Amino acid sequence: MLPFNTDELTRMQAAQQAGMMDTCIVSTFAAGETDPYGEPSQSWTDGAATRCGLNMATQREVMDGTQVVLADAVLRLPIATVIGARDRVTVTHRFGVALNPVLNYELIGEPMRGASGLRVNLRTRTNIAGG
């Protein structure tokens, strides 16, 4: 099988984004100064709202390093999205409708890159007030 050419990839990526009916914000992780115990402070900076596609249909087991954990959702993102394993995601709109409350997730493992977009496994954040 021959690799995709630039036009095919562009069309695939456009089709993928057209099917993303949700809106989310990726919050980028930043380690700060260390405390007296040698632990770095942690903070996250919100990026711009972006299209995404959230699938909460079923929980599934995924590898996170050497542990198997349950993923609560899978998120599709545009190919150019910058996201890392320690970042967080807030889903603000589902199918164009604003959510109240919003859905808060953290990533499980590294994002997976396909020909038309990114896919990340997510688990629900339960300790929102704690950062």
C-alpha atoms as a PDB file:
ATOM      1  CA  MET A   1       0.000   0.000   0.000  1.00  0.00           C
ATOM      2  CA  LEU A   2       1.343   3.415  -0.922  1.00  0.00           C
ATOM      3  CA  PRO A   3       1.540   6.175   1.699  1.00  0.00           C
ATOM      4  CA  PHE A   4      -1.019   8.977   1.608  1.00  0.00           C
ATOM      5  CA  ASN A   5      -0.132  12.024  -0.426  1.00  0.00           C
ATOM      6  CA  THR A   6      -0.502  15.563   0.934  1.00  0.00           C
ATOM      7  CA  ASP A   7      -3.914  16.133  -0.668  1.00  0.00           C
ATOM      8  CA  GLU A   8      -5.295  12.884   0.749  1.00  0.00           C
ATOM      9  CA  LEU A   9      -4.020  13.707   4.245  1.00  0.00           C
ATOM     10  CA  THR A  10      -5.492  17.213   4.058  1.00  0.00           C
ATOM     11  CA  ARG A  11      -8.909  15.831   3.027  1.00  0.00           C
ATOM     12  CA  MET A  12      -8.806  13.180   5.767  1.00  0.00           C
ATOM     13  CA  GLN A  13      -7.919  15.768   8.404  1.00  0.00           C
ATOM     14  CA  ALA A  14     -10.691  18.116   7.219  1.00  0.00           C
ATOM     15  CA  ALA A  15     -13.245  15.276   7.335  1.00  0.00           C
ATOM     16  CA  GLN A  16     -12.092  14.317  10.837  1.00  0.00           C
ATOM     17  CA  GLN A  17     -12.443  17.898  12.101  1.00  0.00           C
ATOM     18  CA  ALA A  18     -15.868  18.276  10.483  1.00  0.00           C
ATOM     19  CA  GLY A  19     -17.037  15.319  12.582  1.00  0.00           C
ATOM     20  CA  MET A  20     -15.839  16.853  15.856  1.00  0.00           C
ATOM     21  CA  MET A  21     -19.053  18.207  17.387  1.00  0.00           C
ATOM     22  CA  ASP A  22     -17.706  19.141  20.821  1.00  0.00           C
ATOM     23  CA  THR A  23     -15.558  21.972  22.194  1.00  0.00           C
ATOM     24  CA  CYS A  24     -12.760  21.576  24.704  1.00  0.00           C
ATOM     25  CA  ILE A  25      -9.898  23.453  26.305  1.00  0.00           C
ATOM     26  CA  VAL A  26      -6.478  21.826  26.698  1.00  0.00           C
ATOM     27  CA  SER A  27      -4.689  22.993  29.855  1.00  0.00           C
ATOM     28  CA  THR A  28      -0.913  22.683  29.528  1.00  0.00           C
ATOM     29  CA  PHE A  29       1.091  21.376  32.494  1.00  0.00           C
ATOM     30  CA  ALA A  30       3.986  23.372  33.944  1.00  0.00           C
ATOM     31  CA  ALA A  31       6.232  22.317  36.844  1.00  0.00           C
ATOM     32  CA  GLY A  32       7.189  25.138  39.163  1.00  0.00           C
ATOM     33  CA  GLU A  33       9.680  25.598  41.965  1.00  0.00           C
ATOM     34  CA  THR A  34      10.230  22.768  44.414  1.00  0.00           C
ATOM     35  CA  ASP A  35       8.864  22.859  47.941  1.00  0.00           C
ATOM     36  CA  PRO A  36      10.909  22.049  51.086  1.00  0.00           C
ATOM     37  CA  TYR A  37      10.243  18.330  50.451  1.00  0.00           C
ATOM     38  CA  GLY A  38      11.670  18.451  46.924  1.00  0.00           C
ATOM     39  CA  GLU A  39       8.280  18.234  45.223  1.00  0.00           C
ATOM     40  CA  PRO A  40       7.699  20.667  42.335  1.00  0.00           C
ATOM     41  CA  SER A  41       4.613  22.834  42.416  1.00  0.00           C
ATOM     42  CA  GLN A  42       2.235  22.122  39.581  1.00  0.00           C
ATOM     43  CA  SER A  43       0.114  24.447  37.486  1.00  0.00           C
ATOM     44  CA  TRP A  44      -1.864  24.289  34.270  1.00  0.00           C
ATOM     45  CA  THR A  45      -2.435  27.059  31.738  1.00  0.00           C
ATOM     46  CA  ASP A  46      -5.638  27.036  29.690  1.00  0.00           C
ATOM     47  CA  GLY A  47      -5.271  27.203  25.923  1.00  0.00           C
ATOM     48  CA  ALA A  48      -7.845  28.394  23.406  1.00  0.00           C
ATOM     49  CA  ALA A  49     -11.091  26.526  22.872  1.00  0.00           C
ATOM     50  CA  THR A  50     -10.757  23.898  20.138  1.00  0.00           C
ATOM     51  CA  ARG A  51     -12.964  21.426  18.325  1.00  0.00           C
ATOM     52  CA  CYS A  52     -12.906  17.905  19.695  1.00  0.00           C
ATOM     53  CA  GLY A  53     -14.880  14.697  19.633  1.00  0.00           C
ATOM     54  CA  LEU A  54     -15.657  13.059  22.980  1.00  0.00           C
ATOM     55  CA  ASN A  55     -16.671   9.404  23.219  1.00  0.00           C
ATOM     56  CA  MET A  56     -17.905   8.355  26.663  1.00  0.00           C
ATOM     57  CA  ALA A  57     -19.648   5.204  25.406  1.00  0.00           C
ATOM     58  CA  THR A  58     -17.747   2.587  27.399  1.00  0.00           C
ATOM     59  CA  GLN A  59     -14.999   2.269  29.945  1.00  0.00           C
ATOM     60  CA  ARG A  60     -12.012   0.290  28.757  1.00  0.00           C
ATOM     61  CA  GLU A  61      -8.704  -0.882  30.152  1.00  0.00           C
ATOM     62  CA  VAL A  62      -5.580   0.903  28.902  1.00  0.00           C
ATOM     63  CA  MET A  63      -1.906   0.729  29.844  1.00  0.00           C
ATOM     64  CA  ASP A  64      -0.490   3.659  31.804  1.00  0.00           C
ATOM     65  CA  GLY A  65       3.192   2.877  32.167  1.00  0.00           C
ATOM     66  CA  THR A  66       3.187  -0.467  33.959  1.00  0.00           C
ATOM     67  CA  GLN A  67      -0.382  -0.261  35.296  1.00  0.00           C
ATOM     68  CA  VAL A  68      -3.691  -1.102  33.669  1.00  0.00           C
ATOM     69  CA  VAL A  69      -6.284   1.592  34.391  1.00  0.00           C
ATOM     70  CA  LEU A  70      -9.838   2.251  33.260  1.00  0.00           C
ATOM     71  CA  ALA A  71     -10.315   4.981  30.671  1.00  0.00           C
ATOM     72  CA  ASP A  72     -13.579   6.888  31.155  1.00  0.00           C
ATOM     73  CA  ALA A  73     -13.538   8.439  27.678  1.00  0.00           C
ATOM     74  CA  VAL A  74     -11.623   8.792  24.409  1.00  0.00           C
ATOM     75  CA  LEU A  75     -11.106  12.215  22.851  1.00  0.00           C
ATOM     76  CA  ARG A  76     -10.337  13.025  19.212  1.00  0.00           C
ATOM     77  CA  LEU A  77      -8.443  16.258  18.514  1.00  0.00           C
ATOM     78  CA  PRO A  78      -7.223  18.069  15.389  1.00  0.00           C
ATOM     79  CA  ILE A  79      -3.808  16.871  14.188  1.00  0.00           C
ATOM     80  CA  ALA A  80      -2.095  20.195  15.020  1.00  0.00           C
ATOM     81  CA  THR A  81      -3.205  20.192  18.673  1.00  0.00           C
ATOM     82  CA  VAL A  82      -0.311  20.430  21.132  1.00  0.00           C
ATOM     83  CA  ILE A  83      -1.043  18.117  24.056  1.00  0.00           C
ATOM     84  CA  GLY A  84       1.104  16.044  26.425  1.00  0.00           C
ATOM     85  CA  ALA A  85       0.588  13.236  28.900  1.00  0.00           C
ATOM     86  CA  ARG A  86       0.450  15.583  31.936  1.00  0.00           C
ATOM     87  CA  ASP A  87      -2.008  18.038  30.397  1.00  0.00           C
ATOM     88  CA  ARG A  88      -5.704  18.251  31.253  1.00  0.00           C
ATOM     89  CA  VAL A  89      -8.834  18.643  29.154  1.00  0.00           C
ATOM     90  CA  THR A  90     -12.061  20.481  29.953  1.00  0.00           C
ATOM     91  CA  VAL A  91     -15.020  19.750  27.685  1.00  0.00           C
ATOM     92  CA  THR A  92     -17.168  22.889  27.614  1.00  0.00           C
ATOM     93  CA  HIS A  93     -19.707  22.019  24.888  1.00  0.00           C
ATOM     94  CA  ARG A  94     -21.301  18.736  23.737  1.00  0.00           C
ATOM     95  CA  PHE A  95     -22.860  18.739  20.279  1.00  0.00           C
ATOM     96  CA  GLY A  96     -22.774  22.553  20.304  1.00  0.00           C
ATOM     97  CA  VAL A  97     -24.588  22.910  23.641  1.00  0.00           C
ATOM     98  CA  ALA A  98     -22.782  24.544  26.595  1.00  0.00           C
ATOM     99  CA  LEU A  99     -22.260  22.190  29.549  1.00  0.00           C
ATOM    100  CA  ASN A 100     -22.942  23.196  33.131  1.00  0.00           C
ATOM    101  CA  PRO A 101     -21.051  21.732  34.849  1.00  0.00           C
ATOM    102  CA  VAL A 102     -18.217  21.175  32.389  1.00  0.00           C
ATOM    103  CA  LEU A 103     -16.473  17.790  32.111  1.00  0.00           C
ATOM    104  CA  ASN A 104     -12.918  17.643  33.502  1.00  0.00           C
ATOM    105  CA  TYR A 105     -10.408  14.984  32.477  1.00  0.00           C
ATOM    106  CA  GLU A 106      -6.746  14.094  32.757  1.00  0.00           C
ATOM    107  CA  LEU A 107      -4.854  12.115  30.155  1.00  0.00           C
ATOM    108  CA  ILE A 108      -3.880   8.486  30.480  1.00  0.00           C
ATOM    109  CA  GLY A 109      -0.596   7.948  28.672  1.00  0.00           C
ATOM    110  CA  GLU A 110       0.654   9.754  25.599  1.00  0.00           C
ATOM    111  CA  PRO A 111      -1.556  11.058  22.779  1.00  0.00           C
ATOM    112  CA  MET A 112      -1.810   8.724  19.776  1.00  0.00           C
ATOM    113  CA  ARG A 113      -1.284  10.272  16.349  1.00  0.00           C
ATOM    114  CA  GLY A 114      -3.132   8.923  13.337  1.00  0.00           C
ATOM    115  CA  ALA A 115      -3.274  10.104   9.745  1.00  0.00           C
ATOM    116  CA  SER A 116      -6.270  12.370  10.349  1.00  0.00           C
ATOM    117  CA  GLY A 117      -6.003  13.445  13.988  1.00  0.00           C
ATOM    118  CA  LEU A 118      -4.967  12.759  17.553  1.00  0.00           C
ATOM    119  CA  ARG A 119      -6.643  10.412  20.008  1.00  0.00           C
ATOM    120  CA  VAL A 120      -6.202  10.477  23.778  1.00  0.00           C
ATOM    121  CA  ASN A 121      -7.515   8.242  26.549  1.00  0.00           C
ATOM    122  CA  LEU A 122      -9.028  10.149  29.462  1.00  0.00           C
ATOM    123  CA  ARG A 123     -10.020   9.581  33.061  1.00  0.00           C
ATOM    124  CA  THR A 124     -12.383  11.815  34.990  1.00  0.00           C
ATOM    125  CA  ARG A 125     -10.792  14.307  37.379  1.00  0.00           C
ATOM    126  CA  THR A 126     -12.479  14.087  40.748  1.00  0.00           C
ATOM    127  CA  ASN A 127     -10.351  16.457  42.865  1.00  0.00           C
ATOM    128  CA  ILE A 128     -11.078  19.673  40.960  1.00  0.00           C
ATOM    129  CA  ALA A 129     -10.665  22.115  43.872  1.00  0.00           C
ATOM    130  CA  GLY A 130      -7.202  20.725  44.630  1.00  0.00           C
ATOM    131  CA  GLY A 131      -5.769  21.836  41.281  1.00  0.00           C
END
